[in-house]
């Protein structure tokens, strides 16, 4: 695997005021392909990745020109796991950190903001806003953007430039781009890790390639990515698997706005293992499912089981 970060523009998703890029690094590949990476190892990998990614983002977006007006949004609980705040501070020095926790209702029909802290928002200025988050449908992030725009307006400020970073699906990207235009944001940048993922029918799983496991009938999915990335990932990735997994439950602790919660890492691990076992069982009879796919599944299951024993 190559060690350097590579930046690929996605011209099919870019248009005036909207630019989309794919970031490729060995750290991002590991996060996407290896669901057994959890806990402190997960945080350290994201920290190393954010150092590389932030340098590229600062250069592409021109964030140096926004010193004093860069706002990093912690979308609680999961978004902080991308470790982007540390990366931005390393590159730019002082930034503003704001916190917001959107939460789905039990029937998942409504999103409510249960906690927010906008005390560091710069006043009377255009802002460059950086939001690291996992974007599947984009519904949660739209709620965050509307709340942020509202709070910025209260102090005489506005969102001029928006940067979205993380695992991003095509469906969510298009919705966020549309919302950014509605909010009159001048420039929007997407930095997707490894690919602009294909969103499964359950509106949750973000797939590089493979079957939509949420459907009874076989439905193949494929992300937007570079051939070199696919060539690197194909020897490790389980086809049809959700790349970010349960991002919250891969982290050792989570800040909920009031306290730090210890995470049950076994939840993500067991769900990932069961999904891989199901993929192997359901699709091994298909012609596209090769012997090397079987070897990948078996290796991933072994790695996850080792982690399950460790954290039991």
C-alpha atoms as a PDB file:
ATOM      1  CA  UNK A   1       0.000   0.000   0.000  1.00  0.00           C
ATOM      2  CA  UNK A   2       1.193   3.509  -0.796  1.00  0.00           C
ATOM      3  CA  UNK A   3       2.043   5.674   2.194  1.00  0.00           C
ATOM      4  CA  UNK A   4       1.324   9.149   0.852  1.00  0.00           C
ATOM      5  CA  UNK A   5      -2.000  10.946   0.741  1.00  0.00           C
ATOM      6  CA  UNK A   6      -3.518  11.283  -2.710  1.00  0.00           C
ATOM      7  CA  UNK A   7      -6.271  13.715  -3.656  1.00  0.00           C
ATOM      8  CA  UNK A   8      -8.614  12.861  -6.524  1.00  0.00           C
ATOM      9  CA  UNK A   9     -11.100  15.458  -7.827  1.00  0.00           C
ATOM     10  CA  UNK A  10     -14.558  14.044  -8.559  1.00  0.00           C
ATOM     11  CA  UNK A  11     -15.572  16.055 -11.592  1.00  0.00           C
ATOM     12  CA  UNK A  12     -18.917  14.307 -12.069  1.00  0.00           C
ATOM     13  CA  UNK A  13     -20.099  15.660  -8.697  1.00  0.00           C
ATOM     14  CA  UNK A  14     -18.475  19.090  -8.954  1.00  0.00           C
ATOM     15  CA  UNK A  15     -20.099  22.213 -10.347  1.00  0.00           C
ATOM     16  CA  UNK A  16     -19.898  25.971  -9.768  1.00  0.00           C
ATOM     17  CA  UNK A  17     -19.515  26.619  -5.994  1.00  0.00           C
ATOM     18  CA  UNK A  18     -19.383  22.842  -5.258  1.00  0.00           C
ATOM     19  CA  UNK A  19     -16.164  20.818  -5.316  1.00  0.00           C
ATOM     20  CA  UNK A  20     -15.863  17.127  -4.448  1.00  0.00           C
ATOM     21  CA  UNK A  21     -12.639  15.234  -3.751  1.00  0.00           C
ATOM     22  CA  UNK A  22     -11.648  11.743  -2.674  1.00  0.00           C
ATOM     23  CA  UNK A  23      -8.806  11.414  -0.162  1.00  0.00           C
ATOM     24  CA  UNK A  24      -6.775   8.209  -0.251  1.00  0.00           C
ATOM     25  CA  UNK A  25      -4.330   7.170   2.470  1.00  0.00           C
ATOM     26  CA  UNK A  26      -3.398   3.812   4.000  1.00  0.00           C
ATOM     27  CA  UNK A  27      -5.054   4.937   7.247  1.00  0.00           C
ATOM     28  CA  UNK A  28      -8.379   5.644   5.522  1.00  0.00           C
ATOM     29  CA  UNK A  29      -8.157   2.348   3.648  1.00  0.00           C
ATOM     30  CA  UNK A  30      -7.639   0.518   6.936  1.00  0.00           C
ATOM     31  CA  UNK A  31     -10.641   2.229   8.532  1.00  0.00           C
ATOM     32  CA  UNK A  32     -12.816   1.361   5.521  1.00  0.00           C
ATOM     33  CA  UNK A  33     -11.667  -2.245   5.087  1.00  0.00           C
ATOM     34  CA  UNK A  34     -10.962  -3.499   8.614  1.00  0.00           C
ATOM     35  CA  UNK A  35     -13.965  -3.339  10.979  1.00  0.00           C
ATOM     36  CA  UNK A  36     -11.910  -4.977  13.739  1.00  0.00           C
ATOM     37  CA  UNK A  37     -10.038  -1.675  14.255  1.00  0.00           C
ATOM     38  CA  UNK A  38     -11.677  -0.173  17.348  1.00  0.00           C
ATOM     39  CA  UNK A  39     -10.824   1.593  20.596  1.00  0.00           C
ATOM     40  CA  UNK A  40      -7.530   3.431  21.008  1.00  0.00           C
ATOM     41  CA  UNK A  41      -6.157   1.973  17.765  1.00  0.00           C
ATOM     42  CA  UNK A  42      -9.143   3.506  15.968  1.00  0.00           C
ATOM     43  CA  UNK A  43      -8.476   6.936  17.517  1.00  0.00           C
ATOM     44  CA  UNK A  44      -4.748   6.801  16.753  1.00  0.00           C
ATOM     45  CA  UNK A  45      -5.435   5.885  13.136  1.00  0.00           C
ATOM     46  CA  UNK A  46      -7.877   8.782  12.775  1.00  0.00           C
ATOM     47  CA  UNK A  47      -5.374  11.123  14.419  1.00  0.00           C
ATOM     48  CA  UNK A  48      -2.664  10.150  11.940  1.00  0.00           C
ATOM     49  CA  UNK A  49      -5.132  10.425   9.065  1.00  0.00           C
ATOM     50  CA  UNK A  50      -6.362  13.861  10.138  1.00  0.00           C
ATOM     51  CA  UNK A  51      -2.803  15.213  10.164  1.00  0.00           C
ATOM     52  CA  UNK A  52      -2.392  14.258   6.513  1.00  0.00           C
ATOM     53  CA  UNK A  53      -5.916  15.193   5.460  1.00  0.00           C
ATOM     54  CA  UNK A  54      -5.925  18.594   7.141  1.00  0.00           C
ATOM     55  CA  UNK A  55      -2.807  19.703   5.309  1.00  0.00           C
ATOM     56  CA  UNK A  56      -4.453  18.844   1.985  1.00  0.00           C
ATOM     57  CA  UNK A  57      -7.764  20.469   2.939  1.00  0.00           C
ATOM     58  CA  UNK A  58      -6.080  23.682   4.086  1.00  0.00           C
ATOM     59  CA  UNK A  59      -4.233  23.907   0.766  1.00  0.00           C
ATOM     60  CA  UNK A  60      -7.202  23.095  -1.473  1.00  0.00           C
ATOM     61  CA  UNK A  61      -9.693  25.341   0.323  1.00  0.00           C
ATOM     62  CA  UNK A  62      -7.233  28.098   1.221  1.00  0.00           C
ATOM     63  CA  UNK A  63      -8.061  28.009   4.929  1.00  0.00           C
ATOM     64  CA  UNK A  64      -4.875  29.952   5.744  1.00  0.00           C
ATOM     65  CA  UNK A  65      -6.765  33.036   4.578  1.00  0.00           C
ATOM     66  CA  UNK A  66      -9.511  32.317   7.112  1.00  0.00           C
ATOM     67  CA  UNK A  67      -7.371  32.345  10.254  1.00  0.00           C
ATOM     68  CA  UNK A  68      -9.461  33.542  13.161  1.00  0.00           C
ATOM     69  CA  UNK A  69     -12.688  32.605  11.374  1.00  0.00           C
ATOM     70  CA  UNK A  70     -12.368  28.835  10.991  1.00  0.00           C
ATOM     71  CA  UNK A  71     -15.110  26.996  12.876  1.00  0.00           C
ATOM     72  CA  UNK A  72     -14.848  23.274  13.610  1.00  0.00           C
ATOM     73  CA  UNK A  73     -18.194  21.627  14.338  1.00  0.00           C
ATOM     74  CA  UNK A  74     -18.246  18.616  16.674  1.00  0.00           C
ATOM     75  CA  UNK A  75     -21.327  16.633  15.638  1.00  0.00           C
ATOM     76  CA  UNK A  76     -21.897  14.637  18.812  1.00  0.00           C
ATOM     77  CA  UNK A  77     -21.425  11.951  19.514  1.00  0.00           C
ATOM     78  CA  UNK A  78     -19.560  10.373  16.624  1.00  0.00           C
ATOM     79  CA  UNK A  79     -18.023  13.237  14.625  1.00  0.00           C
ATOM     80  CA  UNK A  80     -15.227  14.029  17.056  1.00  0.00           C
ATOM     81  CA  UNK A  81     -13.738  10.592  16.346  1.00  0.00           C
ATOM     82  CA  UNK A  82     -12.354  11.903  13.064  1.00  0.00           C
ATOM     83  CA  UNK A  83      -9.880  13.952  15.164  1.00  0.00           C
ATOM     84  CA  UNK A  84     -10.125  16.856  12.727  1.00  0.00           C
ATOM     85  CA  UNK A  85     -10.045  19.519  15.460  1.00  0.00           C
ATOM     86  CA  UNK A  86      -6.508  18.467  16.393  1.00  0.00           C
ATOM     87  CA  UNK A  87      -5.427  18.506  12.763  1.00  0.00           C
ATOM     88  CA  UNK A  88      -6.823  21.989  12.154  1.00  0.00           C
ATOM     89  CA  UNK A  89      -5.165  23.386  15.269  1.00  0.00           C
ATOM     90  CA  UNK A  90      -1.851  21.886  14.180  1.00  0.00           C
ATOM     91  CA  UNK A  91      -2.125  23.568  10.771  1.00  0.00           C
ATOM     92  CA  UNK A  92      -3.823  26.852  11.671  1.00  0.00           C
ATOM     93  CA  UNK A  93      -3.332  27.438  15.390  1.00  0.00           C
ATOM     94  CA  UNK A  94      -6.424  28.832  17.071  1.00  0.00           C
ATOM     95  CA  UNK A  95      -9.823  27.765  15.731  1.00  0.00           C
ATOM     96  CA  UNK A  96     -13.355  27.977  17.106  1.00  0.00           C
ATOM     97  CA  UNK A  97     -14.890  24.714  18.336  1.00  0.00           C
ATOM     98  CA  UNK A  98     -18.669  24.442  18.483  1.00  0.00           C
ATOM     99  CA  UNK A  99     -20.701  21.451  19.643  1.00  0.00           C
ATOM    100  CA  UNK A 100     -24.069  20.148  18.582  1.00  0.00           C
ATOM    101  CA  UNK A 101     -25.872  16.879  19.238  1.00  0.00           C
ATOM    102  CA  UNK A 102     -28.657  15.928  16.838  1.00  0.00           C
ATOM    103  CA  UNK A 103     -30.679  12.915  17.911  1.00  0.00           C
ATOM    104  CA  UNK A 104     -33.294  10.897  16.043  1.00  0.00           C
ATOM    105  CA  UNK A 105     -36.600  10.277  17.800  1.00  0.00           C
ATOM    106  CA  UNK A 106     -37.439   6.655  18.608  1.00  0.00           C
ATOM    107  CA  UNK A 107     -39.502   6.268  15.416  1.00  0.00           C
ATOM    108  CA  UNK A 108     -36.676   7.959  13.435  1.00  0.00           C
ATOM    109  CA  UNK A 109     -39.127  10.429  11.892  1.00  0.00           C
ATOM    110  CA  UNK A 110     -37.745  13.519  13.594  1.00  0.00           C
ATOM    111  CA  UNK A 111     -34.306  14.863  14.507  1.00  0.00           C
ATOM    112  CA  UNK A 112     -33.977  17.011  17.621  1.00  0.00           C
ATOM    113  CA  UNK A 113     -31.026  19.037  18.891  1.00  0.00           C
ATOM    114  CA  UNK A 114     -30.491  17.828  22.459  1.00  0.00           C
ATOM    115  CA  UNK A 115     -27.303  19.784  23.212  1.00  0.00           C
ATOM    116  CA  UNK A 116     -25.381  22.667  21.669  1.00  0.00           C
ATOM    117  CA  UNK A 117     -22.573  25.059  22.542  1.00  0.00           C
ATOM    118  CA  UNK A 118     -21.962  27.934  20.138  1.00  0.00           C
ATOM    119  CA  UNK A 119     -20.110  30.156  22.598  1.00  0.00           C
ATOM    120  CA  UNK A 120     -16.951  30.269  20.458  1.00  0.00           C
ATOM    121  CA  UNK A 121     -18.673  31.403  17.250  1.00  0.00           C
ATOM    122  CA  UNK A 122     -16.857  34.469  15.819  1.00  0.00           C
ATOM    123  CA  UNK A 123     -19.088  37.533  15.607  1.00  0.00           C
ATOM    124  CA  UNK A 124     -19.880  39.807  12.660  1.00  0.00           C
ATOM    125  CA  UNK A 125     -17.902  37.826  10.103  1.00  0.00           C
ATOM    126  CA  UNK A 126     -18.051  35.329   7.278  1.00  0.00           C
ATOM    127  CA  UNK A 127     -17.026  31.887   8.497  1.00  0.00           C
ATOM    128  CA  UNK A 128     -15.190  28.897   7.068  1.00  0.00           C
ATOM    129  CA  UNK A 129     -16.943  25.926   8.656  1.00  0.00           C
ATOM    130  CA  UNK A 130     -15.381  22.454   8.807  1.00  0.00           C
ATOM    131  CA  UNK A 131     -17.636  19.528   9.705  1.00  0.00           C
ATOM    132  CA  UNK A 132     -16.159  16.031  10.029  1.00  0.00           C
ATOM    133  CA  UNK A 133     -18.966  13.497  10.017  1.00  0.00           C
ATOM    134  CA  UNK A 134     -20.207  10.300   8.442  1.00  0.00           C
ATOM    135  CA  UNK A 135     -22.758  11.327   5.819  1.00  0.00           C
ATOM    136  CA  UNK A 136     -25.188   8.647   4.653  1.00  0.00           C
ATOM    137  CA  UNK A 137     -28.513  10.356   3.865  1.00  0.00           C
ATOM    138  CA  UNK A 138     -27.416  13.818   4.962  1.00  0.00           C
ATOM    139  CA  UNK A 139     -30.572  14.360   7.034  1.00  0.00           C
ATOM    140  CA  UNK A 140     -28.680  14.843  10.299  1.00  0.00           C
ATOM    141  CA  UNK A 141     -26.153  17.196   8.764  1.00  0.00           C
ATOM    142  CA  UNK A 142     -28.897  19.321   7.210  1.00  0.00           C
ATOM    143  CA  UNK A 143     -30.353  19.797  10.697  1.00  0.00           C
ATOM    144  CA  UNK A 144     -26.883  20.750  11.956  1.00  0.00           C
ATOM    145  CA  UNK A 145     -26.320  23.246   9.127  1.00  0.00           C
ATOM    146  CA  UNK A 146     -29.658  24.962   9.652  1.00  0.00           C
ATOM    147  CA  UNK A 147     -29.030  25.293  13.386  1.00  0.00           C
ATOM    148  CA  UNK A 148     -25.502  26.572  12.798  1.00  0.00           C
ATOM    149  CA  UNK A 149     -26.680  29.141  10.244  1.00  0.00           C
ATOM    150  CA  UNK A 150     -29.359  30.300  12.694  1.00  0.00           C
ATOM    151  CA  UNK A 151     -26.884  30.700  15.562  1.00  0.00           C
ATOM    152  CA  UNK A 152     -24.327  32.449  13.347  1.00  0.00           C
ATOM    153  CA  UNK A 153     -26.994  34.909  12.222  1.00  0.00           C
ATOM    154  CA  UNK A 154     -27.738  35.761  15.864  1.00  0.00           C
ATOM    155  CA  UNK A 155     -24.180  37.096  16.275  1.00  0.00           C
ATOM    156  CA  UNK A 156     -24.060  38.828  12.894  1.00  0.00           C
ATOM    157  CA  UNK A 157     -22.079  36.080  11.152  1.00  0.00           C
ATOM    158  CA  UNK A 158     -22.743  33.751   8.233  1.00  0.00           C
ATOM    159  CA  UNK A 159     -21.359  30.583   6.658  1.00  0.00           C
ATOM    160  CA  UNK A 160     -19.287  31.604   3.650  1.00  0.00           C
ATOM    161  CA  UNK A 161     -17.332  28.393   3.051  1.00  0.00           C
ATOM    162  CA  UNK A 162     -18.315  24.869   4.063  1.00  0.00           C
ATOM    163  CA  UNK A 163     -16.032  21.821   4.264  1.00  0.00           C
ATOM    164  CA  UNK A 164     -17.447  18.323   4.818  1.00  0.00           C
ATOM    165  CA  UNK A 165     -14.949  15.555   5.636  1.00  0.00           C
ATOM    166  CA  UNK A 166     -15.373  11.853   6.330  1.00  0.00           C
ATOM    167  CA  UNK A 167     -17.075   8.825   4.866  1.00  0.00           C
ATOM    168  CA  UNK A 168     -19.652  10.270   2.479  1.00  0.00           C
ATOM    169  CA  UNK A 169     -22.355   8.603   0.375  1.00  0.00           C
ATOM    170  CA  UNK A 170     -23.537   9.909  -2.983  1.00  0.00           C
ATOM    171  CA  UNK A 171     -27.096  10.397  -1.721  1.00  0.00           C
ATOM    172  CA  UNK A 172     -26.015  12.488   1.260  1.00  0.00           C
ATOM    173  CA  UNK A 173     -23.559  14.542  -0.774  1.00  0.00           C
ATOM    174  CA  UNK A 174     -26.257  15.660  -3.195  1.00  0.00           C
ATOM    175  CA  UNK A 175     -28.641  16.596  -0.381  1.00  0.00           C
ATOM    176  CA  UNK A 176     -25.991  18.605   1.466  1.00  0.00           C
ATOM    177  CA  UNK A 177     -24.985  20.387  -1.748  1.00  0.00           C
ATOM    178  CA  UNK A 178     -28.620  21.365  -2.314  1.00  0.00           C
ATOM    179  CA  UNK A 179     -29.004  22.576   1.281  1.00  0.00           C
ATOM    180  CA  UNK A 180     -25.785  24.608   1.089  1.00  0.00           C
ATOM    181  CA  UNK A 181     -27.158  26.392  -1.959  1.00  0.00           C
ATOM    182  CA  UNK A 182     -30.443  27.087  -0.148  1.00  0.00           C
ATOM    183  CA  UNK A 183     -28.479  28.575   2.774  1.00  0.00           C
ATOM    184  CA  UNK A 184     -26.571  30.788   0.307  1.00  0.00           C
ATOM    185  CA  UNK A 185     -23.196  29.300   1.237  1.00  0.00           C
ATOM    186  CA  UNK A 186     -20.723  30.568  -1.350  1.00  0.00           C
ATOM    187  CA  UNK A 187     -18.373  27.587  -1.542  1.00  0.00           C
ATOM    188  CA  UNK A 188     -18.879  23.969  -0.470  1.00  0.00           C
ATOM    189  CA  UNK A 189     -16.146  21.324  -0.467  1.00  0.00           C
ATOM    190  CA  UNK A 190     -16.554  17.591   0.101  1.00  0.00           C
ATOM    191  CA  UNK A 191     -13.548  15.462   1.074  1.00  0.00           C
ATOM    192  CA  UNK A 192     -14.685  11.838   1.011  1.00  0.00           C
ATOM    193  CA  UNK A 193     -12.474   9.086   2.391  1.00  0.00           C
ATOM    194  CA  UNK A 194     -11.558   6.478  -0.251  1.00  0.00           C
ATOM    195  CA  UNK A 195     -14.743   6.830  -2.300  1.00  0.00           C
ATOM    196  CA  UNK A 196     -18.092   8.514  -2.607  1.00  0.00           C
ATOM    197  CA  UNK A 197     -19.940   5.503  -1.289  1.00  0.00           C
ATOM    198  CA  UNK A 198     -23.031   3.853  -2.713  1.00  0.00           C
ATOM    199  CA  UNK A 199     -25.867   4.021  -0.186  1.00  0.00           C
ATOM    200  CA  UNK A 200     -27.725   0.782   0.487  1.00  0.00           C
ATOM    201  CA  UNK A 201     -31.490   0.452   0.562  1.00  0.00           C
ATOM    202  CA  UNK A 202     -31.550   0.663   4.348  1.00  0.00           C
ATOM    203  CA  UNK A 203     -30.200   4.241   4.010  1.00  0.00           C
ATOM    204  CA  UNK A 204     -27.362   3.337   6.352  1.00  0.00           C
ATOM    205  CA  UNK A 205     -24.733   1.045   4.812  1.00  0.00           C
ATOM    206  CA  UNK A 206     -22.086   2.848   2.759  1.00  0.00           C
ATOM    207  CA  UNK A 207     -20.634   0.392   0.275  1.00  0.00           C
ATOM    208  CA  UNK A 208     -17.491   0.378  -1.870  1.00  0.00           C
ATOM    209  CA  UNK A 209     -18.800  -2.434  -4.057  1.00  0.00           C
ATOM    210  CA  UNK A 210     -20.871  -5.564  -3.669  1.00  0.00           C
ATOM    211  CA  UNK A 211     -24.424  -6.607  -2.858  1.00  0.00           C
ATOM    212  CA  UNK A 212     -27.000  -4.485  -1.084  1.00  0.00           C
ATOM    213  CA  UNK A 213     -27.358  -6.749   1.940  1.00  0.00           C
ATOM    214  CA  UNK A 214     -30.505  -4.937   3.080  1.00  0.00           C
ATOM    215  CA  UNK A 215     -32.442  -6.295   0.071  1.00  0.00           C
ATOM    216  CA  UNK A 216     -33.873  -9.788  -0.380  1.00  0.00           C
ATOM    217  CA  UNK A 217     -33.063  -9.885  -4.089  1.00  0.00           C
ATOM    218  CA  UNK A 218     -29.499  -9.487  -5.335  1.00  0.00           C
ATOM    219  CA  UNK A 219     -28.807  -5.830  -6.081  1.00  0.00           C
ATOM    220  CA  UNK A 220     -25.202  -4.833  -6.843  1.00  0.00           C
ATOM    221  CA  UNK A 221     -23.843  -1.509  -5.605  1.00  0.00           C
ATOM    222  CA  UNK A 222     -20.784   0.459  -6.650  1.00  0.00           C
ATOM    223  CA  UNK A 223     -19.168   3.609  -5.284  1.00  0.00           C
ATOM    224  CA  UNK A 224     -17.446   6.414  -7.157  1.00  0.00           C
ATOM    225  CA  UNK A 225     -13.716   5.970  -6.700  1.00  0.00           C
ATOM    226  CA  UNK A 226     -10.375   5.809  -8.503  1.00  0.00           C
ATOM    227  CA  UNK A 227      -9.182   2.574 -10.060  1.00  0.00           C
ATOM    228  CA  UNK A 228      -5.986   2.677  -7.977  1.00  0.00           C
ATOM    229  CA  UNK A 229      -8.035   2.858  -4.763  1.00  0.00           C
ATOM    230  CA  UNK A 230     -10.194  -0.085  -5.788  1.00  0.00           C
ATOM    231  CA  UNK A 231      -7.071  -2.051  -6.665  1.00  0.00           C
ATOM    232  CA  UNK A 232      -5.652  -1.397  -3.174  1.00  0.00           C
ATOM    233  CA  UNK A 233      -8.877  -2.164  -1.285  1.00  0.00           C
ATOM    234  CA  UNK A 234     -10.181  -5.136  -3.222  1.00  0.00           C
ATOM    235  CA  UNK A 235      -7.824  -7.602  -1.502  1.00  0.00           C
ATOM    236  CA  UNK A 236      -9.176  -6.703   1.960  1.00  0.00           C
ATOM    237  CA  UNK A 237     -12.708  -5.312   1.630  1.00  0.00           C
ATOM    238  CA  UNK A 238     -15.690  -7.599   2.185  1.00  0.00           C
ATOM    239  CA  UNK A 239     -18.110  -6.840  -0.676  1.00  0.00           C
ATOM    240  CA  UNK A 240     -21.298  -5.203   0.568  1.00  0.00           C
ATOM    241  CA  UNK A 241     -19.927  -4.265   3.998  1.00  0.00           C
ATOM    242  CA  UNK A 242     -20.636  -0.850   5.499  1.00  0.00           C
ATOM    243  CA  UNK A 243     -17.262   0.940   5.371  1.00  0.00           C
ATOM    244  CA  UNK A 244     -17.462   3.232   8.427  1.00  0.00           C
ATOM    245  CA  UNK A 245     -19.438   0.683  10.411  1.00  0.00           C
ATOM    246  CA  UNK A 246     -20.949   1.924  13.644  1.00  0.00           C
ATOM    247  CA  UNK A 247     -18.622   4.927  13.915  1.00  0.00           C
ATOM    248  CA  UNK A 248     -19.742   5.800  17.443  1.00  0.00           C
ATOM    249  CA  UNK A 249     -19.228   2.283  18.719  1.00  0.00           C
ATOM    250  CA  UNK A 250     -15.711   2.008  17.299  1.00  0.00           C
ATOM    251  CA  UNK A 251     -14.546   4.751  19.686  1.00  0.00           C
ATOM    252  CA  UNK A 252     -13.464   4.034  23.294  1.00  0.00           C
ATOM    253  CA  UNK A 253     -15.412   6.953  24.805  1.00  0.00           C
ATOM    254  CA  UNK A 254     -17.985   9.455  23.543  1.00  0.00           C
ATOM    255  CA  UNK A 255     -18.852  12.975  24.702  1.00  0.00           C
ATOM    256  CA  UNK A 256     -22.634  13.441  24.809  1.00  0.00           C
ATOM    257  CA  UNK A 257     -22.624  17.126  25.735  1.00  0.00           C
ATOM    258  CA  UNK A 258     -22.620  16.549  29.474  1.00  0.00           C
ATOM    259  CA  UNK A 259     -20.370  13.598  30.261  1.00  0.00           C
ATOM    260  CA  UNK A 260     -18.044  11.093  28.648  1.00  0.00           C
ATOM    261  CA  UNK A 261     -19.658   7.712  28.012  1.00  0.00           C
ATOM    262  CA  UNK A 262     -17.698   4.487  27.848  1.00  0.00           C
ATOM    263  CA  UNK A 263     -18.499   2.552  24.685  1.00  0.00           C
ATOM    264  CA  UNK A 264     -19.364  -1.123  24.343  1.00  0.00           C
ATOM    265  CA  UNK A 265     -16.992  -1.964  21.490  1.00  0.00           C
ATOM    266  CA  UNK A 266     -18.483  -5.443  21.268  1.00  0.00           C
ATOM    267  CA  UNK A 267     -21.653  -4.049  19.692  1.00  0.00           C
ATOM    268  CA  UNK A 268     -19.867  -2.885  16.535  1.00  0.00           C
ATOM    269  CA  UNK A 269     -17.632  -5.958  16.473  1.00  0.00           C
ATOM    270  CA  UNK A 270     -20.428  -8.511  16.797  1.00  0.00           C
ATOM    271  CA  UNK A 271     -22.631  -6.729  14.250  1.00  0.00           C
ATOM    272  CA  UNK A 272     -19.744  -6.592  11.765  1.00  0.00           C
ATOM    273  CA  UNK A 273     -18.910 -10.273  12.237  1.00  0.00           C
ATOM    274  CA  UNK A 274     -22.539 -11.334  11.834  1.00  0.00           C
ATOM    275  CA  UNK A 275     -22.859  -9.247   8.674  1.00  0.00           C
ATOM    276  CA  UNK A 276     -19.738 -10.793   7.143  1.00  0.00           C
ATOM    277  CA  UNK A 277     -20.948 -14.291   8.047  1.00  0.00           C
ATOM    278  CA  UNK A 278     -24.283 -13.480   6.411  1.00  0.00           C
ATOM    279  CA  UNK A 279     -22.584 -12.144   3.269  1.00  0.00           C
ATOM    280  CA  UNK A 280     -20.528 -15.309   2.968  1.00  0.00           C
ATOM    281  CA  UNK A 281     -23.566 -17.527   3.490  1.00  0.00           C
ATOM    282  CA  UNK A 282     -25.897 -15.617   1.153  1.00  0.00           C
ATOM    283  CA  UNK A 283     -23.603 -14.913  -1.776  1.00  0.00           C
ATOM    284  CA  UNK A 284     -20.989 -17.685  -1.897  1.00  0.00           C
ATOM    285  CA  UNK A 285     -23.102 -19.558  -4.477  1.00  0.00           C
ATOM    286  CA  UNK A 286     -23.022 -16.608  -6.899  1.00  0.00           C
ATOM    287  CA  UNK A 287     -20.565 -16.744  -9.796  1.00  0.00           C
ATOM    288  CA  UNK A 288     -19.076 -13.348  -8.918  1.00  0.00           C
ATOM    289  CA  UNK A 289     -18.170 -14.558  -5.402  1.00  0.00           C
ATOM    290  CA  UNK A 290     -14.694 -16.013  -5.894  1.00  0.00           C
ATOM    291  CA  UNK A 291     -12.489 -18.152  -3.689  1.00  0.00           C
ATOM    292  CA  UNK A 292     -10.481 -15.062  -2.747  1.00  0.00           C
ATOM    293  CA  UNK A 293     -13.687 -13.389  -1.518  1.00  0.00           C
ATOM    294  CA  UNK A 294     -14.119 -16.359   0.802  1.00  0.00           C
ATOM    295  CA  UNK A 295     -10.545 -15.966   2.078  1.00  0.00           C
ATOM    296  CA  UNK A 296     -11.157 -12.252   2.748  1.00  0.00           C
ATOM    297  CA  UNK A 297     -14.319 -13.023   4.729  1.00  0.00           C
ATOM    298  CA  UNK A 298     -12.592 -15.706   6.769  1.00  0.00           C
ATOM    299  CA  UNK A 299      -9.614 -13.458   7.568  1.00  0.00           C
ATOM    300  CA  UNK A 300     -11.912 -10.624   8.652  1.00  0.00           C
ATOM    301  CA  UNK A 301     -13.969 -12.926  10.856  1.00  0.00           C
ATOM    302  CA  UNK A 302     -10.813 -14.230  12.554  1.00  0.00           C
ATOM    303  CA  UNK A 303      -9.598 -10.681  13.221  1.00  0.00           C
ATOM    304  CA  UNK A 304     -12.953  -9.638  14.661  1.00  0.00           C
ATOM    305  CA  UNK A 305     -13.206 -12.731  16.868  1.00  0.00           C
ATOM    306  CA  UNK A 306      -9.769 -11.956  18.303  1.00  0.00           C
ATOM    307  CA  UNK A 307     -10.998  -8.477  19.218  1.00  0.00           C
ATOM    308  CA  UNK A 308     -14.216  -9.858  20.679  1.00  0.00           C
ATOM    309  CA  UNK A 309     -12.169 -12.075  22.983  1.00  0.00           C
ATOM    310  CA  UNK A 310      -9.999  -9.111  23.947  1.00  0.00           C
ATOM    311  CA  UNK A 311     -12.927  -6.888  24.902  1.00  0.00           C
ATOM    312  CA  UNK A 312     -15.193  -9.554  26.452  1.00  0.00           C
END
